[in-house]
Structure formats: C-alpha cells, structure tokens
Amino acid sequence: MKILTTKDYSIFKKISYNRELNEAHVVKLMQSMKVNMMPFVFPVNKDMELIDGQHRLEAIKRLDADIEVNYTILEKYDYSDIVQINQTMKKWTNQDYLNLWLSRDVNIDKTPYLTYQHIAGNYPFGHCMIISMIGIDNGGSRHRGFKLGTFRALDLLTSVASADSYLRVSQRLTFPIDRNLIIAISWASNNPDFDLDSFVHKLELYPDEFTKQISAVKYLEKIANCYNYRKKGSRIYLTSGHKNRYRH
C-alpha cells in the first residue's frame, strides 16, 4: 500500500454514502489532537473520495495548523469495507447504515430499507422493534443483515398493516410496548386460530390484567391468559414454535 502525503485538504471529496458530520465528534477530535496528534492514513478511492476519516479531516481543517496528512488510494474495495473501517473509528448509528444502503451509488435491493424507512418515519417504534416487526429471516441475524446490506423485509403493504396492528396494541397497554412483546405477538399469530382483534378487545376490557413481562416467552403466556380470560368454548394454547394448538 503506497502512502502519500499532502497539506492540500481540498483534494479530498466527500463520498456520497458516508455519514453526516457529527459536530460533537469533530470537537472531541480537535481537543484530542491538540494534546496528541496520532498518525492516521486517510483511505480514498480513485476519485479522491474519502472512504473514512471525514470527521478527523474536518477537525484538522479547523485546527488551521498546516498539518501534513497521509492518504492512500484504494483501487478495489466494497461497501462492507466502508462499514468495517468506520466501525473501528466511531460506532455507526442505525441511521448511518440506512443512509449507506439507500445511497444511489450502492447496488443492492433497496426495497427493504425503503420499507424500514417508511415505518420508522411514520410509527413510534424503535429500531429493534421495527426489525422484529417487519424483518424476514434469511439464514442469519436480521439485525446484522441490516448493517451488512442483506436485510430482507415484508412488502410495504404487509409491513404497514403489521405496524398498524402493533400500534393498536400499544395504545391499549398500561406500559410502553417493547421488542419482546412484538416477538410474542408474532409467535401467537402463527396460530391460525389466534385473532388479533379479539386480543385487542380483551386489552380494552381488562387493561390491568395484561402487565409488563421480562421475556417474549412470558409475554406469550400472558397473551394466552388474556386471550382465554372469560372466553366461552375452546381455549387457545400458544407456544413459541409453529405447533400452536387448541387445548379443550
């Protein structure tokens, strides 16, 4: 790897899919550099677009100390390299990953990320809840897939319907909805005899009967108890697998 040097910071260009500058991080780097200027090599592509180090470069510019910087031109790299490089310097946020994979320069199926963006922008659910709500297993962790560009999700209409359902549930709880409850409801929904409307109706009638639990399994037990409360006829029995069944 050939290392080049320059004091002309204008040769570096911002890459379209990198993160927006975090002002607090820039200021923190400036303070650190005043004490100890650690060596760093800025990786750029053949178009002199900065692959990593945009916060560090901005800090150096603001110091206005005529500092010589090192850089290297990478002929070949992929987008997972960008993620790996940046993670070692400053932890990426979920928004950073979303911006990366929605970038026009990235050649992946953006549909799942657009669906995620729509749900995140229109519903009061956090990242982990949305991933659990609309994500599809594809042989690995859905959360890891979101970061690596392999995230798969339900189609938009199904995702919206799912989010609407969870919103209805959340509006009838005496505590904030959480990821474990979303998982438990998805398990319950594997049973064709489980009717979400009936469950929501029970929550309306007996809101104090449904309390916060410590795990998805405990929530599933609570869902079954709530669903069967004062129910006439056959009682539903729920499990975390696909073998849900009625118990008479």
Protein backbone atom coordinates (compact mmCIF):
# COMPACT_ATOMS: atom_id res chain seq x y z
CA MET A 1 0.00 0.00 0.00
CA LYS A 2 1.54 3.29 -1.12
CA ILE A 3 1.30 6.13 1.40
CA LEU A 4 1.10 9.67 0.01
CA THR A 5 1.19 12.98 1.87
CA THR A 6 -0.35 16.40 1.34
CA LYS A 7 -1.25 19.69 3.03
CA ASP A 8 -3.85 20.45 0.40
CA TYR A 9 -7.06 19.24 2.05
CA SER A 10 -9.13 20.42 -0.90
CA ILE A 11 -8.09 17.36 -2.92
CA PHE A 12 -10.35 15.19 -0.76
CA LYS A 13 -14.00 14.83 -1.71
CA LYS A 14 -16.92 13.60 0.37
CA ILE A 15 -18.22 10.20 -0.65
CA SER A 16 -21.98 10.28 -1.21
CA TYR A 17 -22.97 7.44 1.08
CA ASN A 18 -20.82 8.28 4.10
CA ARG A 19 -22.27 9.65 7.31
CA GLU A 20 -23.25 13.24 8.00
CA LEU A 21 -20.75 15.11 10.15
CA ASN A 22 -21.31 14.84 13.88
CA GLU A 23 -20.35 18.21 15.35
CA ALA A 24 -19.69 16.84 18.84
CA HIS A 25 -17.36 14.20 17.43
CA VAL A 26 -15.42 16.80 15.42
CA VAL A 27 -14.94 18.97 18.51
CA LYS A 28 -13.83 15.95 20.55
CA LEU A 29 -11.24 15.04 17.90
CA MET A 30 -9.93 18.61 17.83
CA GLN A 31 -9.41 18.56 21.58
CA SER A 32 -7.64 15.22 21.37
CA MET A 33 -5.38 16.38 18.51
CA LYS A 34 -4.24 19.41 20.48
CA VAL A 35 -2.84 17.02 23.08
CA ASN A 36 -1.60 14.21 20.87
CA MET A 37 -1.75 14.02 17.07
CA MET A 38 -1.98 10.28 16.41
CA PRO A 39 -0.82 9.10 12.96
CA PHE A 40 -3.62 8.26 10.57
CA VAL A 41 -3.81 7.25 6.91
CA PHE A 42 -6.89 8.51 5.05
CA PRO A 43 -8.18 5.88 2.59
CA VAL A 44 -9.58 7.34 -0.65
CA ASN A 45 -10.85 5.84 -3.88
CA LYS A 46 -9.52 6.60 -7.34
CA ASP A 47 -11.73 9.71 -7.49
CA MET A 48 -10.17 11.02 -4.26
CA GLU A 49 -13.40 10.47 -2.37
CA LEU A 50 -12.76 9.97 1.32
CA ILE A 51 -13.70 6.43 2.36
CA ASP A 52 -13.03 7.02 6.04
CA GLY A 53 -11.87 9.84 8.31
CA GLN A 54 -14.21 12.68 7.36
CA HIS A 55 -14.56 13.76 11.00
CA ARG A 56 -10.79 13.63 11.51
CA LEU A 57 -10.14 15.62 8.34
CA GLU A 58 -12.70 18.26 9.35
CA ALA A 59 -11.02 18.54 12.76
CA ILE A 60 -7.62 19.01 11.12
CA LYS A 61 -9.01 21.72 8.84
CA ARG A 62 -10.46 23.64 11.78
CA LEU A 63 -7.19 23.47 13.72
CA ASP A 64 -5.66 25.52 10.90
CA ALA A 65 -2.17 24.28 11.84
CA ASP A 66 -0.80 23.45 8.38
CA ILE A 67 -0.72 19.76 9.25
CA GLU A 68 0.58 17.28 6.68
CA VAL A 69 -1.78 14.29 6.31
CA ASN A 70 -1.22 10.81 4.95
CA TYR A 71 -3.52 9.11 2.49
CA THR A 72 -3.63 6.02 0.32
CA ILE A 73 -5.61 5.30 -2.84
CA LEU A 74 -7.57 2.05 -2.74
CA GLU A 75 -8.21 0.65 -6.19
CA LYS A 76 -10.63 -2.04 -5.04
CA TYR A 77 -12.99 -2.16 -2.09
CA ASP A 78 -16.66 -2.90 -1.43
CA TYR A 79 -19.26 -1.30 0.79
CA SER A 80 -18.76 -3.80 3.61
CA ASP A 81 -15.20 -2.44 3.80
CA ILE A 82 -16.62 1.03 4.44
CA VAL A 83 -18.70 -0.32 7.29
CA GLN A 84 -15.78 -2.22 8.81
CA ILE A 85 -13.39 0.73 8.55
CA ASN A 86 -15.82 3.23 10.03
CA GLN A 87 -16.87 0.97 12.89
CA THR A 88 -13.30 0.88 14.17
CA MET A 89 -13.23 4.68 14.39
CA LYS A 90 -16.69 5.64 15.63
CA LYS A 91 -19.69 3.42 16.16
CA TRP A 92 -22.25 3.75 13.38
CA THR A 93 -25.83 4.52 14.21
CA ASN A 94 -28.73 2.69 12.60
CA GLN A 95 -29.41 5.87 10.60
CA ASP A 96 -25.83 5.71 9.24
CA TYR A 97 -26.44 2.18 7.95
CA LEU A 98 -29.78 3.20 6.47
CA ASN A 99 -28.18 6.15 4.66
CA LEU A 100 -25.43 3.91 3.31
CA TRP A 101 -27.69 1.24 1.87
CA LEU A 102 -30.14 3.78 0.44
CA SER A 103 -27.35 5.62 -1.34
CA ARG A 104 -27.86 5.79 -5.09
CA ASP A 105 -24.29 4.56 -5.57
CA VAL A 106 -24.90 1.26 -3.76
CA ASN A 107 -26.10 -1.56 -5.99
CA ILE A 108 -28.36 -3.63 -3.73
CA ASP A 109 -32.10 -4.21 -3.41
CA LYS A 110 -33.12 -1.06 -1.56
CA THR A 111 -36.79 -2.05 -1.18
CA PRO A 112 -36.43 -3.50 2.37
CA TYR A 113 -34.58 -0.38 3.51
CA LEU A 114 -37.21 1.89 1.96
CA THR A 115 -39.88 -0.09 3.80
CA TYR A 116 -37.94 0.26 7.04
CA GLN A 117 -37.56 4.00 6.41
CA HIS A 118 -41.32 4.37 5.90
CA ILE A 119 -42.17 2.54 9.13
CA ALA A 120 -39.50 4.36 11.13
CA GLY A 121 -40.75 7.72 9.85
CA ASN A 122 -44.44 7.10 10.50
CA TYR A 123 -44.68 4.97 13.63
CA PRO A 124 -43.38 5.45 17.20
CA PHE A 125 -41.31 2.27 17.24
CA GLY A 126 -37.58 1.93 17.82
CA HIS A 127 -35.08 0.19 15.56
CA CYS A 128 -35.10 -3.21 17.27
CA MET A 129 -38.89 -3.31 17.34
CA ILE A 130 -39.15 -2.48 13.64
CA ILE A 131 -36.59 -5.13 12.70
CA SER A 132 -38.54 -7.71 14.71
CA MET A 133 -41.81 -6.46 13.25
CA ILE A 134 -41.05 -6.46 9.51
CA GLY A 135 -37.77 -8.33 9.11
CA ILE A 136 -37.61 -11.70 7.37
CA ASP A 137 -35.12 -14.37 8.41
CA ASN A 138 -32.64 -15.07 5.62
CA GLY A 139 -30.28 -17.51 7.28
CA GLY A 140 -28.73 -15.06 9.73
CA SER A 141 -29.40 -12.30 12.21
CA ARG A 142 -31.82 -9.71 10.88
CA HIS A 143 -30.03 -7.01 12.87
CA ARG A 144 -26.66 -7.98 11.39
CA GLY A 145 -28.21 -8.18 7.93
CA PHE A 146 -29.46 -4.62 8.31
CA LYS A 147 -25.88 -3.47 8.84
CA LEU A 148 -24.38 -5.58 6.05
CA GLY A 149 -26.87 -4.71 3.31
CA THR A 150 -28.59 -8.11 3.29
CA PHE A 151 -31.70 -7.09 5.23
CA ARG A 152 -34.97 -8.56 3.95
CA ALA A 153 -38.42 -7.37 4.95
CA LEU A 154 -42.11 -7.90 4.38
CA ASP A 155 -43.55 -5.92 1.49
CA LEU A 156 -44.65 -2.38 2.24
CA LEU A 157 -48.40 -3.04 2.50
CA THR A 158 -47.89 -6.00 4.82
CA SER A 159 -45.39 -4.03 6.89
CA VAL A 160 -47.83 -1.13 7.25
CA ALA A 161 -50.63 -3.50 8.26
CA SER A 162 -48.31 -5.11 10.80
CA ALA A 163 -47.23 -1.74 12.20
CA ASP A 164 -50.87 -0.63 12.42
CA SER A 165 -51.68 -3.77 14.41
CA TYR A 166 -48.85 -3.26 16.86
CA LEU A 167 -49.82 0.39 17.21
CA ARG A 168 -53.35 -0.63 18.17
CA VAL A 169 -51.93 -2.97 20.80
CA SER A 170 -49.56 -0.32 22.15
CA GLN A 171 -52.38 2.20 22.54
CA ARG A 172 -54.21 -0.17 24.89
CA LEU A 173 -51.29 -1.06 27.14
CA THR A 174 -50.56 0.46 30.53
CA PHE A 175 -46.81 0.36 29.74
CA PRO A 176 -44.67 1.06 26.64
CA ILE A 177 -44.64 -1.73 24.07
CA ASP A 178 -41.27 -3.46 23.72
CA ARG A 179 -39.45 -5.83 21.39
CA ASN A 180 -40.24 -8.93 23.48
CA LEU A 181 -43.96 -8.26 23.22
CA ILE A 182 -43.71 -7.82 19.45
CA ILE A 183 -41.91 -11.16 19.21
CA ALA A 184 -44.54 -12.82 21.39
CA ILE A 185 -47.40 -11.47 19.28
CA SER A 186 -45.67 -12.72 16.12
CA TRP A 187 -45.42 -16.17 17.72
CA ALA A 188 -49.09 -16.04 18.69
CA SER A 189 -50.00 -15.08 15.13
CA ASN A 190 -48.51 -18.36 13.91
CA ASN A 191 -51.62 -19.98 15.31
CA PRO A 192 -54.37 -19.62 12.69
CA ASP A 193 -56.95 -19.54 15.48
CA PHE A 194 -55.39 -16.50 17.14
CA ASP A 195 -57.33 -13.37 16.23
CA LEU A 196 -55.56 -10.07 16.92
CA ASP A 197 -58.82 -8.12 17.01
CA SER A 198 -60.09 -10.39 19.78
CA PHE A 199 -56.85 -9.89 21.71
CA VAL A 200 -57.07 -6.10 21.35
CA HIS A 201 -60.68 -6.24 22.52
CA LYS A 202 -59.60 -8.14 25.65
CA LEU A 203 -56.95 -5.48 26.30
CA GLU A 204 -59.67 -2.83 26.09
CA LEU A 205 -61.91 -4.71 28.52
CA TYR A 206 -59.24 -5.73 31.02
CA PRO A 207 -56.24 -3.39 30.63
CA ASP A 208 -54.91 -4.08 34.12
CA GLU A 209 -54.82 -7.83 33.52
CA PHE A 210 -52.00 -7.51 30.98
CA THR A 211 -48.75 -6.49 32.65
CA LYS A 212 -45.15 -5.99 31.55
CA GLN A 213 -43.07 -9.19 31.35
CA ILE A 214 -39.34 -9.94 31.31
CA SER A 215 -39.21 -12.10 28.17
CA ALA A 216 -41.05 -12.99 24.98
CA VAL A 217 -41.95 -16.40 26.42
CA LYS A 218 -43.52 -14.79 29.49
CA TYR A 219 -45.42 -12.38 27.26
CA LEU A 220 -46.72 -15.30 25.22
CA GLU A 221 -48.06 -16.92 28.38
CA LYS A 222 -49.69 -13.63 29.32
CA ILE A 223 -51.22 -13.26 25.85
CA ALA A 224 -52.76 -16.73 26.14
CA ASN A 225 -54.12 -15.98 29.61
CA CYS A 226 -55.58 -12.66 28.44
CA TYR A 227 -57.00 -14.19 25.27
CA ASN A 228 -58.66 -17.03 27.20
CA TYR A 229 -59.94 -14.85 30.04
CA ARG A 230 -63.71 -15.35 30.32
CA LYS A 231 -63.68 -16.96 26.88
CA LYS A 232 -66.51 -19.33 26.06
CA GLY A 233 -65.74 -22.61 24.34
CA SER A 234 -62.29 -23.89 23.41
CA ARG A 235 -59.27 -22.15 24.93
CA ILE A 236 -56.29 -21.32 22.79
CA TYR A 237 -52.84 -22.65 23.69
CA LEU A 238 -49.79 -20.79 22.35
CA THR A 239 -46.16 -21.81 22.01
CA SER A 240 -43.07 -20.07 20.65
CA GLY A 241 -42.82 -22.58 17.80
CA HIS A 242 -45.15 -23.35 14.91
CA LYS A 243 -47.03 -26.11 16.73
CA ASN A 244 -49.64 -23.90 18.35
CA ARG A 245 -52.82 -25.74 19.05
CA TYR A 246 -56.15 -25.65 20.87
CA ARG A 247 -56.49 -27.18 24.32
CA HIS A 248 -60.04 -28.15 25.18
